[in-house]
């Protein structure tokens, strides 16, 4: 089964959703805009602008939209995705000792951006496989919690949490979400390198969210920058278990943080960025006032205006 990733604008993604409206799937991954399934291809669009085409007809289906987006990846599932800062991801990287990093929460209205870097030594790969480590998007919350509680004592890792108050402050000053993520990834990786020193990983693999050149531009000027043997790839959770472990630990931390927000709100806070979060935010506004939102949500999301409108309507 092949796969292709296109980077598309909002208008193109909107056109795609309309085109596949009769083939839409109900279940969306975190940060998903829509998911659809044709006879020979599954299409998943993300808020980041990435659109993933998977299946035997992926090239044909992606070709329909090639003018509206730039191809980022074009590999089969058996040939590992490759998009590196200094050339291709090394052949056989899945068997190396690697620091992997991943993030969650970027597409969620409630809750923080959460980044984890984790170091998986080659001798621990069979153990992690036995524990069921894989991409956190393929696991439910209960399984993530179960696995995370075990692997947090097995792999050295660093957790970086950008709380909503800080997120909103730097976003309002003009910092892009991409730069925020780059800074968090770099710091998490540097923290792990310090933890395992003098030992060094054979590679560092980052789940790609921007082009490598843009990533390094974002972190330019930082006191310490991880540059040696750094590689980038989309769908990196499927390339090395270090990224999969990082995604599980990040999701575990995010779940815990959402639980804290739920306790502070007095009701269960939903994940994602759909209608349920609009309702929850409107409830917060009615109970605690508009000013309370800053510690719960990413204020620049369109959900804020929707929640305000809902709250206004309910006051009538």
Protein backbone atom coordinates (compact mmCIF):
# COMPACT_ATOMS: atom_id res chain seq x y z
CA UNK A 1 0.00 0.00 0.00
CA UNK A 2 1.47 3.34 -1.06
CA UNK A 3 1.09 6.74 0.48
CA UNK A 4 1.48 10.35 -0.61
CA UNK A 5 1.34 13.51 1.49
CA UNK A 6 0.42 16.86 -0.05
CA UNK A 7 0.73 20.23 1.66
CA UNK A 8 -2.41 22.17 0.74
CA UNK A 9 -4.07 25.48 1.51
CA UNK A 10 -7.37 25.83 3.36
CA UNK A 11 -9.28 26.51 0.14
CA UNK A 12 -7.98 23.34 -1.50
CA UNK A 13 -8.81 21.28 1.59
CA UNK A 14 -12.30 22.79 1.57
CA UNK A 15 -12.70 21.77 -2.07
CA UNK A 16 -11.51 18.27 -1.24
CA UNK A 17 -14.01 17.90 1.57
CA UNK A 18 -16.81 18.99 -0.75
CA UNK A 19 -15.61 16.58 -3.44
CA UNK A 20 -15.59 13.63 -1.03
CA UNK A 21 -18.73 14.63 0.88
CA UNK A 22 -20.48 11.37 0.04
CA UNK A 23 -17.51 9.29 1.18
CA UNK A 24 -16.66 11.01 4.48
CA UNK A 25 -15.79 8.92 7.54
CA UNK A 26 -17.22 9.71 10.96
CA UNK A 27 -14.00 9.14 12.90
CA UNK A 28 -11.27 11.79 12.70
CA UNK A 29 -7.69 11.59 13.99
CA UNK A 30 -6.43 14.34 16.32
CA UNK A 31 -6.07 17.55 14.32
CA UNK A 32 -8.07 16.12 11.44
CA UNK A 33 -10.27 18.26 9.18
CA UNK A 34 -11.89 15.36 7.37
CA UNK A 35 -11.33 11.72 6.46
CA UNK A 36 -12.81 9.99 3.44
CA UNK A 37 -12.53 6.58 1.80
CA UNK A 38 -12.85 5.78 -1.90
CA UNK A 39 -12.65 2.35 -3.49
CA UNK A 40 -8.86 2.44 -3.65
CA UNK A 41 -7.73 5.22 -1.36
CA UNK A 42 -8.19 6.70 2.11
CA UNK A 43 -7.80 10.48 2.30
CA UNK A 44 -7.11 12.27 5.59
CA UNK A 45 -6.73 16.06 5.77
CA UNK A 46 -5.17 17.77 8.79
CA UNK A 47 -5.37 21.30 10.15
CA UNK A 48 -1.63 21.58 9.57
CA UNK A 49 -2.36 21.56 5.83
CA UNK A 50 -1.12 18.02 5.29
CA UNK A 51 -3.36 15.69 3.29
CA UNK A 52 -2.48 12.00 3.43
CA UNK A 53 -3.48 9.67 0.59
CA UNK A 54 -3.11 5.96 1.39
CA UNK A 55 -3.93 2.95 -0.74
CA UNK A 56 -3.35 1.38 -4.12
CA UNK A 57 -4.82 4.40 -5.92
CA UNK A 58 -3.02 7.02 -3.84
CA UNK A 59 -1.04 8.42 -6.78
CA UNK A 60 -4.11 8.67 -8.97
CA UNK A 61 -6.20 10.31 -6.24
CA UNK A 62 -3.47 12.71 -5.13
CA UNK A 63 -2.84 13.60 -8.75
CA UNK A 64 -6.26 15.22 -8.92
CA UNK A 65 -5.07 17.80 -6.39
CA UNK A 66 -1.40 18.11 -7.30
CA UNK A 67 -1.83 21.67 -8.58
CA UNK A 68 -3.41 22.72 -5.30
CA UNK A 69 -0.61 21.43 -3.11
CA UNK A 70 3.03 20.45 -3.04
CA UNK A 71 4.09 16.83 -2.73
CA UNK A 72 5.90 16.19 0.53
CA UNK A 73 6.18 12.41 0.52
CA UNK A 74 5.76 9.72 -2.10
CA UNK A 75 6.78 6.36 -0.71
CA UNK A 76 5.39 2.88 -0.26
CA UNK A 77 4.68 1.55 3.20
CA UNK A 78 7.55 -0.91 2.89
CA UNK A 79 10.01 1.78 1.80
CA UNK A 80 10.33 4.08 4.78
CA UNK A 81 9.35 7.74 4.40
CA UNK A 82 12.38 9.92 3.87
CA UNK A 83 12.74 13.65 4.42
CA UNK A 84 15.85 14.54 6.31
CA UNK A 85 17.78 17.64 7.24
CA UNK A 86 21.01 16.12 5.93
CA UNK A 87 19.94 13.63 3.33
CA UNK A 88 17.68 10.60 3.59
CA UNK A 89 16.66 8.82 6.76
CA UNK A 90 19.32 6.12 7.18
CA UNK A 91 18.54 2.67 5.87
CA UNK A 92 17.83 0.41 8.84
CA UNK A 93 17.15 3.29 11.21
CA UNK A 94 14.36 1.24 12.80
CA UNK A 95 17.03 -0.97 14.40
CA UNK A 96 19.21 1.88 15.72
CA UNK A 97 19.31 3.58 19.12
CA UNK A 98 17.28 6.72 18.46
CA UNK A 99 15.82 9.79 20.14
CA UNK A 100 12.37 10.35 18.69
CA UNK A 101 10.14 13.37 19.24
CA UNK A 102 6.46 14.00 18.63
CA UNK A 103 3.74 16.38 19.77
CA UNK A 104 0.02 16.41 20.50
CA UNK A 105 -2.54 19.09 21.23
CA UNK A 106 -1.79 21.39 18.31
CA UNK A 107 -5.21 20.89 16.76
CA UNK A 108 -7.13 20.75 20.04
CA UNK A 109 -9.01 23.87 21.16
CA UNK A 110 -8.70 22.94 24.84
CA UNK A 111 -5.40 22.02 26.42
CA UNK A 112 -1.72 22.70 25.81
CA UNK A 113 0.74 21.81 23.09
CA UNK A 114 2.58 18.82 24.53
CA UNK A 115 5.92 17.64 23.13
CA UNK A 116 7.93 14.60 24.20
CA UNK A 117 11.35 13.41 23.12
CA UNK A 118 12.19 9.81 24.08
CA UNK A 119 15.35 7.73 23.75
CA UNK A 120 14.91 4.10 22.74
CA UNK A 121 18.05 1.96 22.77
CA UNK A 122 18.20 -0.79 20.18
CA UNK A 123 18.21 -3.48 22.88
CA UNK A 124 14.87 -2.17 24.23
CA UNK A 125 13.06 -2.30 20.87
CA UNK A 126 11.76 -5.91 21.36
CA UNK A 127 10.42 -4.98 24.81
CA UNK A 128 8.54 -1.96 23.47
CA UNK A 129 7.13 -4.08 20.66
CA UNK A 130 5.94 -6.60 23.23
CA UNK A 131 4.31 -3.81 25.24
CA UNK A 132 2.32 -2.77 22.18
CA UNK A 133 4.05 0.54 21.47
CA UNK A 134 2.83 2.09 18.22
CA UNK A 135 1.40 5.38 16.98
CA UNK A 136 -0.77 6.87 19.75
CA UNK A 137 -3.46 7.77 17.18
CA UNK A 138 -4.09 4.03 16.81
CA UNK A 139 -4.68 3.57 20.56
CA UNK A 140 -7.58 4.56 22.80
CA UNK A 141 -6.99 6.56 25.97
CA UNK A 142 -7.15 3.51 28.23
CA UNK A 143 -4.44 1.69 26.26
CA UNK A 144 -2.27 4.81 26.09
CA UNK A 145 -2.42 5.18 29.88
CA UNK A 146 -1.63 1.48 30.37
CA UNK A 147 1.41 1.54 28.07
CA UNK A 148 2.68 4.96 29.19
CA UNK A 149 2.76 3.95 32.85
CA UNK A 150 5.18 1.16 31.93
CA UNK A 151 7.43 2.80 29.34
CA UNK A 152 7.96 5.99 31.34
CA UNK A 153 10.24 3.91 33.57
CA UNK A 154 11.93 2.17 30.64
CA UNK A 155 12.94 5.01 28.29
CA UNK A 156 14.61 8.32 29.17
CA UNK A 157 12.34 11.14 28.02
CA UNK A 158 11.62 14.85 28.36
CA UNK A 159 8.15 16.37 28.48
CA UNK A 160 7.55 19.97 27.39
CA UNK A 161 4.12 21.51 28.02
CA UNK A 162 3.15 24.90 26.58
CA UNK A 163 0.22 25.89 28.78
CA UNK A 164 -2.65 27.86 27.33
CA UNK A 165 -1.81 31.10 29.14
CA UNK A 166 1.72 31.14 27.69
CA UNK A 167 0.53 29.88 24.30
CA UNK A 168 -1.97 32.72 23.95
CA UNK A 169 0.57 35.30 25.10
CA UNK A 170 3.25 34.37 22.55
CA UNK A 171 0.67 33.78 19.80
CA UNK A 172 -0.77 37.24 20.28
CA UNK A 173 2.75 38.64 19.95
CA UNK A 174 3.00 37.04 16.53
CA UNK A 175 4.74 33.72 17.12
CA UNK A 176 3.50 30.99 14.80
CA UNK A 177 2.46 27.60 16.08
CA UNK A 178 5.19 26.09 13.92
CA UNK A 179 7.88 28.08 15.74
CA UNK A 180 6.39 27.15 19.11
CA UNK A 181 6.59 23.48 18.20
CA UNK A 182 10.14 23.77 16.87
CA UNK A 183 11.33 25.41 20.09
CA UNK A 184 9.63 22.74 22.20
CA UNK A 185 11.00 19.85 20.12
CA UNK A 186 14.55 21.21 20.25
CA UNK A 187 14.43 21.76 24.01
CA UNK A 188 12.97 18.30 24.67
CA UNK A 189 15.68 16.68 22.53
CA UNK A 190 18.43 18.71 24.22
CA UNK A 191 17.08 17.65 27.63
CA UNK A 192 17.23 13.97 26.66
CA UNK A 193 20.74 14.34 25.25
CA UNK A 194 21.80 15.76 28.61
CA UNK A 195 20.08 12.91 30.46
CA UNK A 196 21.85 10.17 28.52
CA UNK A 197 25.29 11.86 28.23
CA UNK A 198 27.99 10.81 27.59
CA UNK A 199 26.05 8.23 25.58
CA UNK A 200 24.88 9.52 22.19
CA UNK A 201 22.00 8.32 20.01
CA UNK A 202 22.76 6.95 16.58
CA UNK A 203 20.06 9.23 15.16
CA UNK A 204 17.47 11.80 16.18
CA UNK A 205 14.14 11.49 14.39
CA UNK A 206 11.52 14.26 14.49
CA UNK A 207 7.96 13.74 13.32
CA UNK A 208 8.00 16.34 10.55
CA UNK A 209 5.66 19.32 10.78
CA UNK A 210 7.71 21.82 8.71
CA UNK A 211 10.56 21.63 6.24
CA UNK A 212 13.93 21.02 7.96
CA UNK A 213 15.28 24.40 6.83
CA UNK A 214 12.28 26.14 8.40
CA UNK A 215 12.67 24.14 11.60
CA UNK A 216 16.27 25.24 12.04
CA UNK A 217 15.35 28.81 11.19
CA UNK A 218 12.72 28.72 13.95
CA UNK A 219 15.23 27.64 16.59
CA UNK A 220 18.06 29.90 15.41
CA UNK A 221 19.51 31.79 18.35
CA UNK A 222 18.71 29.18 20.99
CA UNK A 223 21.47 28.54 23.52
CA UNK A 224 21.73 24.86 22.60
CA UNK A 225 20.59 23.33 19.33
CA UNK A 226 20.53 19.62 18.53
CA UNK A 227 21.97 19.32 15.01
CA UNK A 228 24.01 16.12 14.83
CA UNK A 229 22.31 13.21 13.02
CA UNK A 230 18.91 14.93 13.05
CA UNK A 231 16.36 13.57 10.59
CA UNK A 232 12.77 14.46 9.77
CA UNK A 233 9.95 12.37 8.39
CA UNK A 234 6.20 12.45 8.24
CA UNK A 235 4.51 9.42 9.81
CA UNK A 236 7.72 8.92 11.81
CA UNK A 237 5.83 6.82 14.39
CA UNK A 238 5.91 4.03 11.82
CA UNK A 239 9.64 4.39 11.20
CA UNK A 240 11.03 4.06 14.72
CA UNK A 241 9.50 3.08 18.04
CA UNK A 242 11.21 6.06 19.71
CA UNK A 243 8.76 8.40 17.98
CA UNK A 244 5.86 6.07 18.74
CA UNK A 245 6.91 6.00 22.41
CA UNK A 246 7.17 9.79 22.41
CA UNK A 247 3.68 10.09 20.91
CA UNK A 248 2.25 7.81 23.61
CA UNK A 249 3.94 9.68 26.44
CA UNK A 250 2.83 13.02 24.98
CA UNK A 251 -0.76 11.83 24.63
CA UNK A 252 -0.68 10.46 28.19
CA UNK A 253 0.47 13.84 29.52
CA UNK A 254 -2.19 15.59 27.43
CA UNK A 255 -4.93 13.32 28.78
CA UNK A 256 -3.81 14.09 32.33
CA UNK A 257 -3.83 17.82 31.61
CA UNK A 258 -7.32 17.64 30.13
CA UNK A 259 -8.43 15.89 33.32
CA UNK A 260 -7.03 18.82 35.32
CA UNK A 261 -8.88 21.29 33.12
CA UNK A 262 -12.06 19.26 33.58
CA UNK A 263 -11.66 19.44 37.36
CA UNK A 264 -11.12 23.21 37.17
CA UNK A 265 -14.12 23.65 34.90
CA UNK A 266 -16.41 21.40 36.94
CA UNK A 267 -17.37 19.30 33.92
CA UNK A 268 -15.69 17.02 31.37
CA UNK A 269 -13.65 18.89 28.80
CA UNK A 270 -13.80 17.35 25.30
CA UNK A 271 -10.83 16.96 22.95
CA UNK A 272 -10.57 18.13 19.37
CA UNK A 273 -11.95 21.25 17.72
CA UNK A 274 -15.52 20.33 16.76
CA UNK A 275 -18.98 21.33 17.92
CA UNK A 276 -18.56 19.68 21.34
CA UNK A 277 -15.73 22.01 22.29
CA UNK A 278 -17.81 25.02 21.20
CA UNK A 279 -20.52 23.93 23.62
CA UNK A 280 -18.03 23.34 26.41
CA UNK A 281 -16.40 26.74 25.92
CA UNK A 282 -19.82 28.43 25.87
CA UNK A 283 -20.61 26.72 29.17
CA UNK A 284 -17.34 28.04 30.62
CA UNK A 285 -18.17 31.57 29.47
CA UNK A 286 -21.59 31.41 31.10
CA UNK A 287 -20.20 30.00 34.35
CA UNK A 288 -16.86 31.77 34.71
CA UNK A 289 -16.89 34.65 32.24
CA UNK A 290 -15.11 35.31 28.94
CA UNK A 291 -11.82 36.11 30.66
CA UNK A 292 -11.57 32.55 32.01
CA UNK A 293 -11.09 31.09 28.54
CA UNK A 294 -7.43 32.08 28.30
CA UNK A 295 -6.31 29.40 30.73
CA UNK A 296 -8.36 26.68 29.02
CA UNK A 297 -8.19 27.21 25.25
CA UNK A 298 -6.17 28.48 22.29
CA UNK A 299 -7.94 31.80 21.85
CA UNK A 300 -7.10 32.38 18.18
CA UNK A 301 -9.02 29.27 17.09
CA UNK A 302 -12.31 30.00 15.32
CA UNK A 303 -14.00 28.04 18.12
CA UNK A 304 -13.71 31.09 20.39
CA UNK A 305 -16.10 33.16 18.27
CA UNK A 306 -18.45 30.20 17.92
CA UNK A 307 -18.48 29.71 21.69
CA UNK A 308 -19.14 33.42 22.27
CA UNK A 309 -22.09 33.29 19.88
CA UNK A 310 -23.48 30.21 21.60
CA UNK A 311 -23.12 31.80 25.03
CA UNK A 312 -24.84 34.96 23.84
CA UNK A 313 -27.69 32.91 22.40
CA UNK A 314 -28.12 30.97 25.63
CA UNK A 315 -28.30 34.16 27.68
CA UNK A 316 -31.41 35.25 25.84
